PDB file of N, CA and C in Angstrom:
ATOM      1  N   MET A   1       0.835  -1.173   0.000  1.00  0.00           N
ATOM      2  CA  MET A   1       0.000   0.000   0.000  1.00  0.00           C
ATOM      3  C   MET A   1       0.883   1.240   0.000  1.00  0.00           C
ATOM      4  N   TYR A   2       0.351   2.337  -0.476  1.00  0.00           N
ATOM      5  CA  TYR A   2       1.078   3.601  -0.516  1.00  0.00           C
ATOM      6  C   TYR A   2       0.542   4.533   0.558  1.00  0.00           C
ATOM      7  N   VAL A   3       1.469   5.128   1.318  1.00  0.00           N
ATOM      8  CA  VAL A   3       1.107   6.103   2.344  1.00  0.00           C
ATOM      9  C   VAL A   3       1.925   7.353   2.064  1.00  0.00           C
ATOM     10  N   GLY A   4       1.259   8.428   1.739  1.00  0.00           N
ATOM     11  CA  GLY A   4       1.974   9.672   1.444  1.00  0.00           C
ATOM     12  C   GLY A   4       2.912   9.544   0.266  1.00  0.00           C
ATOM     13  N   GLY A   5       2.546   8.735  -0.732  1.00  0.00           N
ATOM     14  CA  GLY A   5       3.378   8.548  -1.912  1.00  0.00           C
ATOM     15  C   GLY A   5       4.527   7.574  -1.710  1.00  0.00           C
ATOM     16  N   VAL A   6       4.563   6.901  -0.570  1.00  0.00           N
ATOM     17  CA  VAL A   6       5.638   5.958  -0.261  1.00  0.00           C
ATOM     18  C   VAL A   6       5.046   4.570  -0.114  1.00  0.00           C
ATOM     19  N   PHE A   7       5.692   3.587  -0.776  1.00  0.00           N
ATOM     20  CA  PHE A   7       5.232   2.216  -0.639  1.00  0.00           C
ATOM     21  C   PHE A   7       5.584   1.714   0.747  1.00  0.00           C
ATOM     22  N   VAL A   8       4.589   1.174   1.449  1.00  0.00           N
ATOM     23  CA  VAL A   8       4.779   0.642   2.795  1.00  0.00           C
ATOM     24  C   VAL A   8       4.261  -0.786   2.803  1.00  0.00           C
ATOM     25  N   SER A   9       5.161  -1.746   3.102  1.00  0.00           N
ATOM     26  CA  SER A   9       4.728  -3.141   3.159  1.00  0.00           C
ATOM     27  C   SER A   9       4.184  -3.439   4.542  1.00  0.00           C
ATOM     28  N   ASP A  10       3.611  -4.635   4.691  1.00  0.00           N
ATOM     29  CA  ASP A  10       3.082  -5.044   5.994  1.00  0.00           C
ATOM     30  C   ASP A  10       4.195  -5.158   7.036  1.00  0.00           C
ATOM     31  N   ASN A  11       5.436  -5.410   6.586  1.00  0.00           N
ATOM     32  CA  ASN A  11       6.578  -5.529   7.502  1.00  0.00           C
ATOM     33  C   ASN A  11       7.136  -4.180   7.927  1.00  0.00           C
ATOM     34  N   THR A  12       6.748  -3.140   7.246  1.00  0.00           N
ATOM     35  CA  THR A  12       7.314  -1.815   7.489  1.00  0.00           C
ATOM     36  C   THR A  12       6.619  -1.137   8.654  1.00  0.00           C
ATOM     37  N   LYS A  13       7.420  -0.538   9.518  1.00  0.00           N
ATOM     38  CA  LYS A  13       6.888   0.221  10.650  1.00  0.00           C
ATOM     39  C   LYS A  13       7.228   1.691  10.454  1.00  0.00           C
ATOM     40  N   ARG A  14       6.290   2.541  10.754  1.00  0.00           N
ATOM     41  CA  ARG A  14       6.503   3.986  10.660  1.00  0.00           C
ATOM     42  C   ARG A  14       7.127   4.452  11.970  1.00  0.00           C
ATOM     43  N   ILE A  15       8.193   5.255  11.851  1.00  0.00           N
ATOM     44  CA  ILE A  15       8.853   5.812  13.029  1.00  0.00           C
ATOM     45  C   ILE A  15       8.996   7.318  12.849  1.00  0.00           C
ATOM     46  N   THR A  16       9.274   7.987  13.932  1.00  0.00           N
ATOM     47  CA  THR A  16       9.548   9.419  13.883  1.00  0.00           C
ATOM     48  C   THR A  16      11.001   9.617  14.278  1.00  0.00           C
ATOM     49  N   VAL A  17      11.709  10.398  13.485  1.00  0.00           N
ATOM     50  CA  VAL A  17      13.123  10.653  13.739  1.00  0.00           C
ATOM     51  C   VAL A  17      13.317  12.152  13.898  1.00  0.00           C
ATOM     52  N   SER A  18      14.018  12.544  14.943  1.00  0.00           N
ATOM     53  CA  SER A  18      14.338  13.959  15.157  1.00  0.00           C
ATOM     54  C   SER A  18      15.776  14.206  14.732  1.00  0.00           C
ATOM     55  N   LEU A  19      15.976  15.222  13.897  1.00  0.00           N
ATOM     56  CA  LEU A  19      17.313  15.577  13.427  1.00  0.00           C
ATOM     57  C   LEU A  19      17.537  17.070  13.620  1.00  0.00           C
ATOM     58  N   PRO A  20      18.769  17.476  13.886  1.00  0.00           N
ATOM     59  CA  PRO A  20      19.058  18.909  13.906  1.00  0.00           C
ATOM     60  C   PRO A  20      18.810  19.492  12.511  1.00  0.00           C
ATOM     61  N   GLN A  21      18.430  20.743  12.455  1.00  0.00           N
ATOM     62  CA  GLN A  21      18.060  21.367  11.181  1.00  0.00           C
ATOM     63  C   GLN A  21      19.188  21.273  10.153  1.00  0.00           C
ATOM     64  N   HIS A  22      20.435  21.506  10.566  1.00  0.00           N
ATOM     65  CA  HIS A  22      21.539  21.469   9.601  1.00  0.00           C
ATOM     66  C   HIS A  22      21.707  20.075   8.996  1.00  0.00           C
ATOM     67  N   LEU A  23      21.462  19.038   9.786  1.00  0.00           N
ATOM     68  CA  LEU A  23      21.565  17.674   9.279  1.00  0.00           C
ATOM     69  C   LEU A  23      20.406  17.369   8.329  1.00  0.00           C
ATOM     70  N   LEU A  24      19.225  17.816   8.686  1.00  0.00           N
ATOM     71  CA  LEU A  24      18.062  17.626   7.815  1.00  0.00           C
ATOM     72  C   LEU A  24      18.269  18.346   6.489  1.00  0.00           C
ATOM     73  N   ASN A  25      18.851  19.546   6.532  1.00  0.00           N
ATOM     74  CA  ASN A  25      19.131  20.283   5.293  1.00  0.00           C
ATOM     75  C   ASN A  25      20.085  19.494   4.402  1.00  0.00           C
ATOM     76  N   GLU A  26      21.093  18.893   5.015  1.00  0.00           N
ATOM     77  CA  GLU A  26      22.049  18.092   4.251  1.00  0.00           C
ATOM     78  C   GLU A  26      21.372  16.860   3.651  1.00  0.00           C
ATOM     79  N   VAL A  27      20.533  16.205   4.439  1.00  0.00           N
ATOM     80  CA  VAL A  27      19.785  15.035   3.957  1.00  0.00           C
ATOM     81  C   VAL A  27      18.880  15.440   2.802  1.00  0.00           C
ATOM     82  N   ASP A  28      18.153  16.524   2.967  1.00  0.00           N
ATOM     83  CA  ASP A  28      17.238  16.969   1.909  1.00  0.00           C
ATOM     84  C   ASP A  28      17.987  17.316   0.629  1.00  0.00           C
ATOM     85  N   GLY A  29      19.199  17.869   0.764  1.00  0.00           N
ATOM     86  CA  GLY A  29      20.008  18.153  -0.422  1.00  0.00           C
ATOM     87  C   GLY A  29      20.385  16.877  -1.154  1.00  0.00           C
ATOM     88  N   LEU A  30      20.771  15.860  -0.408  1.00  0.00           N
ATOM     89  CA  LEU A  30      21.110  14.573  -1.032  1.00  0.00           C
ATOM     90  C   LEU A  30      19.887  13.926  -1.661  1.00  0.00           C
ATOM     91  N   ILE A  31      18.763  14.048  -0.987  1.00  0.00           N
ATOM     92  CA  ILE A  31      17.519  13.465  -1.491  1.00  0.00           C
ATOM     93  C   ILE A  31      17.163  14.046  -2.852  1.00  0.00           C
ATOM     94  N   LYS A  32      17.316  15.349  -2.987  1.00  0.00           N
ATOM     95  CA  LYS A  32      17.007  15.996  -4.276  1.00  0.00           C
ATOM     96  C   LYS A  32      17.947  15.499  -5.362  1.00  0.00           C
ATOM     97  N   ARG A  33      19.242  15.391  -5.036  1.00  0.00           N
ATOM     98  CA  ARG A  33      20.218  14.943  -6.039  1.00  0.00           C
ATOM     99  C   ARG A  33      20.003  13.484  -6.424  1.00  0.00           C
ATOM    100  N   GLU A  34      19.619  12.661  -5.464  1.00  0.00           N
ATOM    101  CA  GLU A  34      19.455  11.230  -5.726  1.00  0.00           C
ATOM    102  C   GLU A  34      18.039  10.865  -6.135  1.00  0.00           C
ATOM    103  N   ASN A  35      17.153  11.842  -6.108  1.00  0.00           N
ATOM    104  CA  ASN A  35      15.767  11.654  -6.543  1.00  0.00           C
ATOM    105  C   ASN A  35      15.076  10.513  -5.784  1.00  0.00           C
ATOM    106  N   VAL A  36      15.197  10.551  -4.447  1.00  0.00           N
ATOM    107  CA  VAL A  36      14.490   9.605  -3.582  1.00  0.00           C
ATOM    108  C   VAL A  36      13.757  10.408  -2.512  1.00  0.00           C
ATOM    109  N   ASN A  37      12.867   9.751  -1.790  1.00  0.00           N
ATOM    110  CA  ASN A  37      12.180  10.451  -0.703  1.00  0.00           C
ATOM    111  C   ASN A  37      12.921  10.208   0.610  1.00  0.00           C
ATOM    112  N   ARG A  38      12.510  10.898   1.647  1.00  0.00           N
ATOM    113  CA  ARG A  38      13.189  10.775   2.939  1.00  0.00           C
ATOM    114  C   ARG A  38      13.161   9.347   3.463  1.00  0.00           C
ATOM    115  N   SER A  39      12.016   8.699   3.340  1.00  0.00           N
ATOM    116  CA  SER A  39      11.902   7.327   3.852  1.00  0.00           C
ATOM    117  C   SER A  39      12.902   6.399   3.174  1.00  0.00           C
ATOM    118  N   GLU A  40      12.970   6.481   1.852  1.00  0.00           N
ATOM    119  CA  GLU A  40      13.896   5.623   1.113  1.00  0.00           C
ATOM    120  C   GLU A  40      15.340   5.968   1.471  1.00  0.00           C
ATOM    121  N   PHE A  41      15.624   7.256   1.603  1.00  0.00           N
ATOM    122  CA  PHE A  41      16.980   7.676   1.964  1.00  0.00           C
ATOM    123  C   PHE A  41      17.375   7.128   3.336  1.00  0.00           C
ATOM    124  N   ILE A  42      16.498   7.286   4.322  1.00  0.00           N
ATOM    125  CA  ILE A  42      16.782   6.798   5.676  1.00  0.00           C
ATOM    126  C   ILE A  42      16.913   5.275   5.668  1.00  0.00           C
ATOM    127  N   HIS A  43      16.064   4.611   4.875  1.00  0.00           N
ATOM    128  CA  HIS A  43      16.136   3.152   4.738  1.00  0.00           C
ATOM    129  C   HIS A  43      17.520   2.745   4.222  1.00  0.00           C
ATOM    130  N   GLN A  44      17.950   3.376   3.111  1.00  0.00           N
ATOM    131  CA  GLN A  44      19.250   3.054   2.520  1.00  0.00           C
ATOM    132  C   GLN A  44      20.397   3.396   3.473  1.00  0.00           C
ATOM    133  N   ALA A  45      20.303   4.551   4.125  1.00  0.00           N
ATOM    134  CA  ALA A  45      21.365   4.979   5.042  1.00  0.00           C
ATOM    135  C   ALA A  45      21.477   4.022   6.227  1.00  0.00           C
ATOM    136  N   THR A  46      20.346   3.582   6.743  1.00  0.00           N
ATOM    137  CA  THR A  46      20.351   2.659   7.880  1.00  0.00           C
ATOM    138  C   THR A  46      20.960   1.321   7.474  1.00  0.00           C
ATOM    139  N   LYS A  47      20.571   0.808   6.302  1.00  0.00           N
ATOM    140  CA  LYS A  47      21.134  -0.456   5.821  1.00  0.00           C
ATOM    141  C   LYS A  47      22.644  -0.341   5.641  1.00  0.00           C
ATOM    142  N   ALA A  48      23.093   0.780   5.048  1.00  0.00           N
ATOM    143  CA  ALA A  48      24.529   0.979   4.829  1.00  0.00           C
ATOM    144  C   ALA A  48      25.270   1.072   6.162  1.00  0.00           C
ATOM    145  N   TYR A  49      24.690   1.784   7.111  1.00  0.00           N
ATOM    146  CA  TYR A  49      25.318   1.924   8.429  1.00  0.00           C
ATOM    147  C   TYR A  49      25.452   0.564   9.110  1.00  0.00           C
ATOM    148  N   LEU A  50      24.379  -0.220   9.095  1.00  0.00           N
ATOM    149  CA  LEU A  50      24.409  -1.537   9.739  1.00  0.00           C
ATOM    150  C   LEU A  50      25.408  -2.471   9.058  1.00  0.00           C
ATOM    151  N   ARG A  51      25.466  -2.410   7.722  1.00  0.00           N
ATOM    152  CA  ARG A  51      26.408  -3.240   6.970  1.00  0.00           C
ATOM    153  C   ARG A  51      27.851  -2.876   7.357  1.00  0.00           C
ATOM    154  N   GLU A  52      28.154  -1.579   7.406  1.00  0.00           N
ATOM    155  CA  GLU A  52      29.498  -1.133   7.772  1.00  0.00           C
ATOM    156  C   GLU A  52      29.832  -1.473   9.222  1.00  0.00           C
ATOM    157  N   LYS A  53      28.845  -1.357  10.098  1.00  0.00           N
ATOM    158  CA  LYS A  53      29.065  -1.687  11.517  1.00  0.00           C
ATOM    159  C   LYS A  53      29.404  -3.168  11.660  1.00  0.00           C
ATOM    160  N   LYS A  54      28.693  -4.032  10.931  1.00  0.00           N
ATOM    161  CA  LYS A  54      28.981  -5.469  10.970  1.00  0.00           C
ATOM    162  C   LYS A  54      30.386  -5.754  10.448  1.00  0.00           C
ATOM    163  N   LYS A  55      30.766  -5.080   9.344  1.00  0.00           N
ATOM    164  CA  LYS A  55      32.111  -5.269   8.797  1.00  0.00           C
ATOM    165  C   LYS A  55      33.167  -4.865   9.820  1.00  0.00           C
ATOM    166  N   ARG A  56      32.945  -3.739  10.472  1.00  0.00           N
ATOM    167  CA  ARG A  56      33.892  -3.238  11.470  1.00  0.00           C
ATOM    168  C   ARG A  56      34.013  -4.223  12.636  1.00  0.00           C
ATOM    169  N   GLN A  57      32.867  -4.767  13.071  1.00  0.00           N
ATOM    170  CA  GLN A  57      32.890  -5.736  14.171  1.00  0.00           C
ATOM    171  C   GLN A  57      33.647  -7.000  13.771  1.00  0.00           C
ATOM    172  N   ILE A  58      33.433  -7.458  12.549  1.00  0.00           N
ATOM    173  CA  ILE A  58      34.140  -8.647  12.059  1.00  0.00           C
ATOM    174  C   ILE A  58      35.638  -8.370  12.001  1.00  0.00           C
ATOM    175  N   ARG A  59      36.021  -7.185  11.468  1.00  0.00           N
ATOM    176  CA  ARG A  59      37.432  -6.818  11.410  1.00  0.00           C
ATOM    177  C   ARG A  59      38.065  -6.785  12.798  1.00  0.00           C
ATOM    178  N   GLU A  60      37.354  -6.188  13.750  1.00  0.00           N
ATOM    179  CA  GLU A  60      37.879  -6.107  15.119  1.00  0.00           C
ATOM    180  C   GLU A  60      38.033  -7.492  15.736  1.00  0.00           C
ATOM    181  N   THR A  61      37.053  -8.362  15.489  1.00  0.00           N
ATOM    182  CA  THR A  61      37.128  -9.728  16.005  1.00  0.00           C
ATOM    183  C   THR A  61      38.302 -10.474  15.372  1.00  0.00           C
ATOM    184  N   MET A  62      38.473 -10.299  14.063  1.00  0.00           N
ATOM    185  CA  MET A  62      39.585 -10.955  13.372  1.00  0.00           C
ATOM    186  C   MET A  62      40.920 -10.420  13.878  1.00  0.00           C
ATOM    187  N   GLN A  63      41.000  -9.108  14.074  1.00  0.00           N
ATOM    188  CA  GLN A  63      42.239  -8.515  14.567  1.00  0.00           C
ATOM    189  C   GLN A  63      42.584  -9.076  15.944  1.00  0.00           C
ATOM    190  N   GLN A  64      41.590  -9.184  16.799  1.00  0.00           N
ATOM    191  CA  GLN A  64      41.803  -9.742  18.135  1.00  0.00           C
ATOM    192  C   GLN A  64      42.282 -11.195  18.024  1.00  0.00           C
ATOM    193  N   GLY A  65      41.653 -11.954  17.134  1.00  0.00           N
ATOM    194  CA  GLY A  65      42.060 -13.346  16.921  1.00  0.00           C
ATOM    195  C   GLY A  65      43.482 -13.449  16.406  1.00  0.00           C
ATOM    196  N   TYR A  66      43.843 -12.558  15.464  1.00  0.00           N
ATOM    197  CA  TYR A  66      45.207 -12.572  14.934  1.00  0.00           C
ATOM    198  C   TYR A  66      46.224 -12.237  16.020  1.00  0.00           C
ATOM    199  N   MET A  67      45.862 -11.296  16.897  1.00  0.00           N
ATOM    200  CA  MET A  67      46.775 -10.938  17.988  1.00  0.00           C
ATOM    201  C   MET A  67      46.961 -12.124  18.936  1.00  0.00           C
ATOM    202  N   GLU A  68      45.879 -12.820  19.235  1.00  0.00           N
ATOM    203  CA  GLU A  68      45.972 -13.997  20.101  1.00  0.00           C
ATOM    204  C   GLU A  68      46.789 -15.096  19.430  1.00  0.00           C
ATOM    205  N   MET A  69      46.556 -15.291  18.138  1.00  0.00           N
ATOM    206  CA  MET A  69      47.299 -16.321  17.411  1.00  0.00           C
ATOM    207  C   MET A  69      48.770 -15.948  17.277  1.00  0.00           C
ATOM    208  N   ALA A  70      49.076 -14.653  17.213  1.00  0.00           N
ATOM    209  CA  ALA A  70      50.472 -14.226  17.103  1.00  0.00           C
ATOM    210  C   ALA A  70      51.261 -14.701  18.316  1.00  0.00           C
ATOM    211  N   LYS A  71      50.677 -14.592  19.493  1.00  0.00           N
ATOM    212  CA  LYS A  71      51.351 -15.055  20.711  1.00  0.00           C
ATOM    213  C   LYS A  71      51.582 -16.565  20.649  1.00  0.00           C
ATOM    214  N   ILE A  72      50.548 -17.278  20.239  1.00  0.00           N
ATOM    215  CA  ILE A  72      50.655 -18.743  20.139  1.00  0.00           C
ATOM    216  C   ILE A  72      51.713 -19.122  19.109  1.00  0.00           C
ATOM    217  N   ASN A  73      51.681 -18.459  17.939  1.00  0.00           N
ATOM    218  CA  ASN A  73      52.648 -18.759  16.881  1.00  0.00           C
ATOM    219  C   ASN A  73      54.074 -18.441  17.319  1.00  0.00           C
ATOM    220  N   LEU A  74      54.245 -17.364  18.086  1.00  0.00           N
ATOM    221  CA  LEU A  74      55.578 -17.021  18.585  1.00  0.00           C
ATOM    222  C   LEU A  74      56.086 -18.105  19.530  1.00  0.00           C
ATOM    223  N   ASN A  75      55.210 -18.601  20.389  1.00  0.00           N
ATOM    224  CA  ASN A  75      55.602 -19.691  21.292  1.00  0.00           C
ATOM    225  C   ASN A  75      55.973 -20.947  20.517  1.00  0.00           C
ATOM    226  N   ILE A  76      55.176 -21.278  19.514  1.00  0.00           N
ATOM    227  CA  ILE A  76      55.461 -22.461  18.692  1.00  0.00           C
ATOM    228  C   ILE A  76      56.795 -22.289  17.972  1.00  0.00           C
ATOM    229  N   ALA A  77      57.022 -21.100  17.405  1.00  0.00           N
ATOM    230  CA  ALA A  77      58.275 -20.840  16.691  1.00  0.00           C
ATOM    231  C   ALA A  77      59.463 -20.931  17.639  1.00  0.00           C
ATOM    232  N   SER A  78      59.306 -20.414  18.852  1.00  0.00           N
ATOM    233  CA  SER A  78      60.394 -20.487  19.845  1.00  0.00           C
ATOM    234  C   SER A  78      60.696 -21.932  20.202  1.00  0.00           C
ATOM    235  N   GLU A  79      59.649 -22.723  20.410  1.00  0.00           N
ATOM    236  CA  GLU A  79      59.837 -24.139  20.731  1.00  0.00           C
ATOM    237  C   GLU A  79      60.510 -24.873  19.571  1.00  0.00           C
ATOM    238  N   ALA A  80      60.083 -24.566  18.353  1.00  0.00           N
ATOM    239  CA  ALA A  80      60.674 -25.212  17.177  1.00  0.00           C
ATOM    240  C   ALA A  80      62.140 -24.812  17.041  1.00  0.00           C
ATOM    241  N   PHE A  81      62.442 -23.549  17.300  1.00  0.00           N
ATOM    242  CA  PHE A  81      63.828 -23.085  17.227  1.00  0.00           C
ATOM    243  C   PHE A  81      64.697 -23.834  18.231  1.00  0.00           C
ATOM    244  N   LEU A  82      64.200 -23.952  19.460  1.00  0.00           N
ATOM    245  CA  LEU A  82      64.954 -24.679  20.492  1.00  0.00           C
ATOM    246  C   LEU A  82      65.136 -26.146  20.108  1.00  0.00           C
ATOM    247  N   ALA A  83      64.096 -26.757  19.544  1.00  0.00           N
ATOM    248  CA  ALA A  83      64.187 -28.163  19.124  1.00  0.00           C
ATOM    249  C   ALA A  83      65.204 -28.317  17.999  1.00  0.00           C
ATOM    250  N   GLU A  84      65.233 -27.375  17.055  1.00  0.00           N
ATOM    251  CA  GLU A  84      66.206 -27.427  15.963  1.00  0.00           C
ATOM    252  C   GLU A  84      67.625 -27.249  16.499  1.00  0.00           C
ATOM    253  N   GLU A  85      67.782 -26.326  17.439  1.00  0.00           N
ATOM    254  CA  GLU A  85      69.098 -26.111  18.055  1.00  0.00           C
ATOM    255  C   GLU A  85      69.578 -27.391  18.741  1.00  0.00           C
ATOM    256  N   GLU A  86      68.675 -28.014  19.484  1.00  0.00           N
ATOM    257  CA  GLU A  86      69.021 -29.251  20.191  1.00  0.00           C
ATOM    258  C   GLU A  86      69.362 -30.364  19.200  1.00  0.00           C
ATOM    259  N   ALA A  87      68.571 -30.469  18.123  1.00  0.00           N
ATOM    260  CA  ALA A  87      68.826 -31.500  17.110  1.00  0.00           C
ATOM    261  C   ALA A  87      70.169 -31.258  16.433  1.00  0.00           C
ATOM    262  N   GLU A  88      70.476 -30.004  16.143  1.00  0.00           N
ATOM    263  CA  GLU A  88      71.753 -29.679  15.506  1.00  0.00           C
ATOM    264  C   GLU A  88      72.921 -30.007  16.447  1.00  0.00           C
ATOM    265  N   HIS A  89      72.754 -29.679  17.710  1.00  0.00           N
ATOM    266  CA  HIS A  89      73.792 -29.980  18.706  1.00  0.00           C
ATOM    267  C   HIS A  89      73.994 -31.499  18.824  1.00  0.00           C
ATOM    268  N   THR A  90      72.889 -32.250  18.843  1.00  0.00           N
ATOM    269  CA  THR A  90      72.963 -33.715  18.925  1.00  0.00           C
ATOM    270  C   THR A  90      73.654 -34.277  17.692  1.00  0.00           C
ATOM    271  N   LEU A  91      73.321 -33.754  16.521  1.00  0.00           N
ATOM    272  CA  LEU A  91      73.945 -34.206  15.277  1.00  0.00           C
ATOM    273  C   LEU A  91      75.444 -33.927  15.302  1.00  0.00           C
ATOM    274  N   ASP A  92      75.814 -32.735  15.753  1.00  0.00           N
ATOM    275  CA  ASP A  92      77.240 -32.392  15.848  1.00  0.00           C
ATOM    276  C   ASP A  92      77.973 -33.362  16.773  1.00  0.00           C
ATOM    277  N   ARG A  93      77.346 -33.709  17.902  1.00  0.00           N
ATOM    278  CA  ARG A  93      77.965 -34.655  18.845  1.00  0.00           C
ATOM    279  C   ARG A  93      78.113 -36.033  18.214  1.00  0.00           C
ATOM    280  N   LEU A  94      77.068 -36.476  17.498  1.00  0.00           N
ATOM    281  CA  LEU A  94      77.124 -37.802  16.875  1.00  0.00           C
ATOM    282  C   LEU A  94      78.188 -37.856  15.790  1.00  0.00           C
ATOM    283  N   VAL A  95      78.279 -36.802  15.003  1.00  0.00           N
ATOM    284  CA  VAL A  95      79.247 -36.773  13.907  1.00  0.00           C
ATOM    285  C   VAL A  95      80.671 -36.689  14.447  1.00  0.00           C
ATOM    286  N   SER A  96      80.862 -35.912  15.499  1.00  0.00           N
ATOM    287  CA  SER A  96      82.216 -35.736  16.059  1.00  0.00           C
ATOM    288  C   SER A  96      82.616 -36.887  16.978  1.00  0.00           C
ATOM    289  N   GLY A  97      81.646 -37.704  17.374  1.00  0.00           N
ATOM    290  CA  GLY A  97      81.935 -38.836  18.231  1.00  0.00           C
ATOM    291  C   GLY A  97      82.107 -38.472  19.689  1.00  0.00           C
ATOM    292  N   VAL A  98      81.713 -37.299  20.079  1.00  0.00           N
ATOM    293  CA  VAL A  98      81.872 -36.879  21.477  1.00  0.00           C
ATOM    294  C   VAL A  98      80.638 -37.190  22.269  1.00  0.00           C
TER     295      VAL A  98
END
């Protein structure tokens, strides 16, 4: 159904949003350039904001995981280095007969 020239589905809820005048002026300027109404603009802006927020959260989670794995990998590398040193020392002893 159309309400005020805007298509509204059964899933759509009408809300009221308060914005400072300067922000509303900026929104209205974009609306004119993009040839959409306020509802569609707010819909698109909200979807874009949520999408970016999810991406940021995923990046932060991955960064935290990489930092945790870096510590683990450093420990593994240190252990491997010590094992290689020990193996090399053992090989030197076996070859030299000492």
